[in-house]
Amino acid sequence: MATQEYIDDLIIVIETAEDAESVTNQMVAAVLGFLNEHLKLVSQGKEVEAEEAARFSTYRPACR
């Protein structure tokens, strides 16, 4: 799976490309695949649940 940093770098390469054919189909597919995968998670609510679980696991009020 591609990381957010990898996708950010690819987007910069795609945005700043000046030479003909300097952006490959694989670069574009990687970005679209990443977006598609995360859109599916968001639409199913799984990404939000995972984020909330991570937040709650780091926040542990003192039990008294």
N, C-alpha and C. Protein backbone atom coordinates (compact mmCIF):
# COMPACT_ATOMS: atom_id res chain seq x y z
N MET A 1 0.84 -1.18 0.00
CA MET A 1 0.00 0.00 0.00
C MET A 1 0.88 1.24 0.00
N ALA A 2 0.50 2.21 -0.76
CA ALA A 2 1.24 3.46 -0.84
C ALA A 2 1.02 4.28 0.43
N THR A 3 2.06 4.99 0.81
CA THR A 3 1.94 5.85 1.99
C THR A 3 1.51 7.25 1.57
N GLN A 4 1.01 8.02 2.53
CA GLN A 4 0.60 9.39 2.24
C GLN A 4 1.78 10.21 1.71
N GLU A 5 2.96 10.01 2.29
CA GLU A 5 4.14 10.75 1.85
C GLU A 5 4.48 10.42 0.39
N TYR A 6 4.41 9.15 0.03
CA TYR A 6 4.68 8.73 -1.34
C TYR A 6 3.69 9.38 -2.31
N ILE A 7 2.42 9.38 -1.95
CA ILE A 7 1.39 9.98 -2.80
C ILE A 7 1.61 11.49 -2.91
N ASP A 8 1.95 12.14 -1.80
CA ASP A 8 2.23 13.58 -1.84
C ASP A 8 3.36 13.89 -2.82
N ASP A 9 4.42 13.07 -2.78
CA ASP A 9 5.55 13.25 -3.69
C ASP A 9 5.13 13.04 -5.15
N LEU A 10 4.32 12.03 -5.39
CA LEU A 10 3.84 11.79 -6.76
C LEU A 10 3.00 12.95 -7.28
N ILE A 11 2.17 13.49 -6.43
CA ILE A 11 1.33 14.63 -6.83
C ILE A 11 2.20 15.82 -7.22
N ILE A 12 3.26 16.06 -6.46
CA ILE A 12 4.18 17.15 -6.79
C ILE A 12 4.84 16.90 -8.14
N VAL A 13 5.28 15.68 -8.39
CA VAL A 13 5.90 15.34 -9.67
C VAL A 13 4.91 15.57 -10.81
N ILE A 14 3.68 15.13 -10.62
CA ILE A 14 2.65 15.28 -11.66
C ILE A 14 2.34 16.76 -11.90
N GLU A 15 2.21 17.53 -10.81
CA GLU A 15 1.88 18.96 -10.93
C GLU A 15 2.98 19.76 -11.63
N THR A 16 4.22 19.40 -11.37
CA THR A 16 5.33 20.19 -11.90
C THR A 16 5.92 19.64 -13.20
N ALA A 17 5.35 18.58 -13.72
CA ALA A 17 5.88 17.96 -14.95
C ALA A 17 5.77 18.94 -16.12
N GLU A 18 6.89 19.08 -16.81
CA GLU A 18 6.92 19.97 -17.97
C GLU A 18 7.25 19.23 -19.25
N ASP A 19 8.04 18.16 -19.15
CA ASP A 19 8.44 17.42 -20.33
C ASP A 19 7.33 16.47 -20.78
N ALA A 20 7.20 16.34 -22.08
CA ALA A 20 6.22 15.41 -22.62
C ALA A 20 6.52 14.00 -22.14
N GLU A 21 5.51 13.30 -21.76
CA GLU A 21 5.59 11.91 -21.30
C GLU A 21 6.43 11.72 -20.03
N SER A 22 6.58 12.77 -19.23
CA SER A 22 7.36 12.63 -18.00
C SER A 22 6.51 12.07 -16.85
N VAL A 23 5.21 12.07 -17.02
CA VAL A 23 4.29 11.48 -16.03
C VAL A 23 3.80 10.15 -16.62
N THR A 24 4.00 9.09 -15.86
CA THR A 24 3.61 7.78 -16.37
C THR A 24 2.20 7.42 -15.92
N ASN A 25 1.62 6.48 -16.63
CA ASN A 25 0.31 5.97 -16.24
C ASN A 25 0.37 5.36 -14.84
N GLN A 26 1.50 4.76 -14.49
CA GLN A 26 1.65 4.15 -13.17
C GLN A 26 1.60 5.19 -12.06
N MET A 27 2.17 6.37 -12.31
CA MET A 27 2.12 7.45 -11.32
C MET A 27 0.68 7.89 -11.08
N VAL A 28 -0.01 8.12 -12.16
CA VAL A 28 -1.41 8.56 -12.05
C VAL A 28 -2.25 7.45 -11.41
N ALA A 29 -2.02 6.22 -11.80
CA ALA A 29 -2.77 5.10 -11.23
C ALA A 29 -2.51 4.96 -9.73
N ALA A 30 -1.29 5.20 -9.29
CA ALA A 30 -0.97 5.10 -7.86
C ALA A 30 -1.76 6.13 -7.06
N VAL A 31 -1.82 7.35 -7.57
CA VAL A 31 -2.56 8.41 -6.88
C VAL A 31 -4.05 8.10 -6.88
N LEU A 32 -4.58 7.73 -8.03
CA LEU A 32 -6.01 7.42 -8.10
C LEU A 32 -6.37 6.20 -7.25
N GLY A 33 -5.51 5.19 -7.24
CA GLY A 33 -5.76 4.02 -6.42
C GLY A 33 -5.79 4.36 -4.93
N PHE A 34 -4.84 5.19 -4.51
CA PHE A 34 -4.78 5.63 -3.12
C PHE A 34 -6.06 6.39 -2.74
N LEU A 35 -6.45 7.33 -3.59
CA LEU A 35 -7.66 8.11 -3.32
C LEU A 35 -8.90 7.21 -3.30
N ASN A 36 -8.98 6.30 -4.23
CA ASN A 36 -10.12 5.39 -4.30
C ASN A 36 -10.22 4.52 -3.05
N GLU A 37 -9.08 3.97 -2.63
CA GLU A 37 -9.05 3.12 -1.44
C GLU A 37 -9.51 3.88 -0.20
N HIS A 38 -9.01 5.11 -0.05
CA HIS A 38 -9.37 5.89 1.13
C HIS A 38 -10.80 6.43 1.06
N LEU A 39 -11.27 6.71 -0.14
CA LEU A 39 -12.66 7.14 -0.29
C LEU A 39 -13.61 6.02 0.12
N LYS A 40 -13.28 4.79 -0.24
CA LYS A 40 -14.10 3.65 0.15
C LYS A 40 -14.13 3.51 1.67
N LEU A 41 -12.97 3.67 2.32
CA LEU A 41 -12.92 3.57 3.78
C LEU A 41 -13.76 4.65 4.43
N VAL A 42 -13.65 5.87 3.92
CA VAL A 42 -14.42 6.98 4.48
C VAL A 42 -15.91 6.75 4.28
N SER A 43 -16.29 6.30 3.10
CA SER A 43 -17.71 6.10 2.82
C SER A 43 -18.30 4.98 3.67
N GLN A 44 -17.46 4.04 4.11
CA GLN A 44 -17.91 2.96 4.99
C GLN A 44 -17.76 3.33 6.46
N GLY A 45 -17.16 4.49 6.73
CA GLY A 45 -16.97 4.94 8.09
C GLY A 45 -15.80 4.29 8.80
N LYS A 46 -15.05 3.42 8.13
CA LYS A 46 -13.97 2.69 8.78
C LYS A 46 -12.78 3.58 9.13
N GLU A 47 -12.48 4.53 8.26
CA GLU A 47 -11.34 5.40 8.53
C GLU A 47 -11.62 6.28 9.74
N VAL A 48 -12.84 6.77 9.84
CA VAL A 48 -13.21 7.60 10.97
C VAL A 48 -13.16 6.77 12.26
N GLU A 49 -13.66 5.55 12.20
CA GLU A 49 -13.62 4.67 13.38
C GLU A 49 -12.19 4.38 13.80
N ALA A 50 -11.31 4.13 12.84
CA ALA A 50 -9.91 3.84 13.15
C ALA A 50 -9.24 5.06 13.77
N GLU A 51 -9.55 6.24 13.25
CA GLU A 51 -8.98 7.46 13.80
C GLU A 51 -9.46 7.69 15.23
N GLU A 52 -10.74 7.46 15.47
CA GLU A 52 -11.28 7.63 16.81
C GLU A 52 -10.68 6.61 17.78
N ALA A 53 -10.51 5.39 17.33
CA ALA A 53 -9.92 4.35 18.18
C ALA A 53 -8.49 4.72 18.55
N ALA A 54 -7.75 5.24 17.60
CA ALA A 54 -6.37 5.65 17.88
C ALA A 54 -6.34 6.80 18.87
N ARG A 55 -7.27 7.72 18.71
CA ARG A 55 -7.33 8.87 19.62
C ARG A 55 -7.69 8.43 21.03
N PHE A 56 -8.65 7.53 21.15
CA PHE A 56 -9.05 7.05 22.47
C PHE A 56 -7.98 6.19 23.13
N SER A 57 -7.20 5.48 22.32
CA SER A 57 -6.16 4.62 22.91
C SER A 57 -5.03 5.45 23.50
N THR A 58 -4.83 6.66 23.00
CA THR A 58 -3.77 7.51 23.55
C THR A 58 -4.28 8.38 24.69
N TYR A 59 -5.59 8.56 24.77
CA TYR A 59 -6.18 9.35 25.84
C TYR A 59 -6.78 8.41 26.87
N ARG A 60 -6.11 8.28 27.96
CA ARG A 60 -6.58 7.40 29.03
C ARG A 60 -6.64 8.20 30.34
N PRO A 61 -7.82 8.67 30.68
CA PRO A 61 -7.92 9.42 31.93
C PRO A 61 -7.59 8.52 33.13
N ALA A 62 -7.07 9.15 34.14
CA ALA A 62 -6.71 8.37 35.35
C ALA A 62 -7.95 7.79 35.97
N CYS A 63 -7.89 6.51 36.27
CA CYS A 63 -9.01 5.83 36.92
C CYS A 63 -8.85 5.96 38.42
N ARG A 64 -9.89 6.41 39.08
CA ARG A 64 -9.84 6.56 40.54
C ARG A 64 -11.01 5.88 41.17
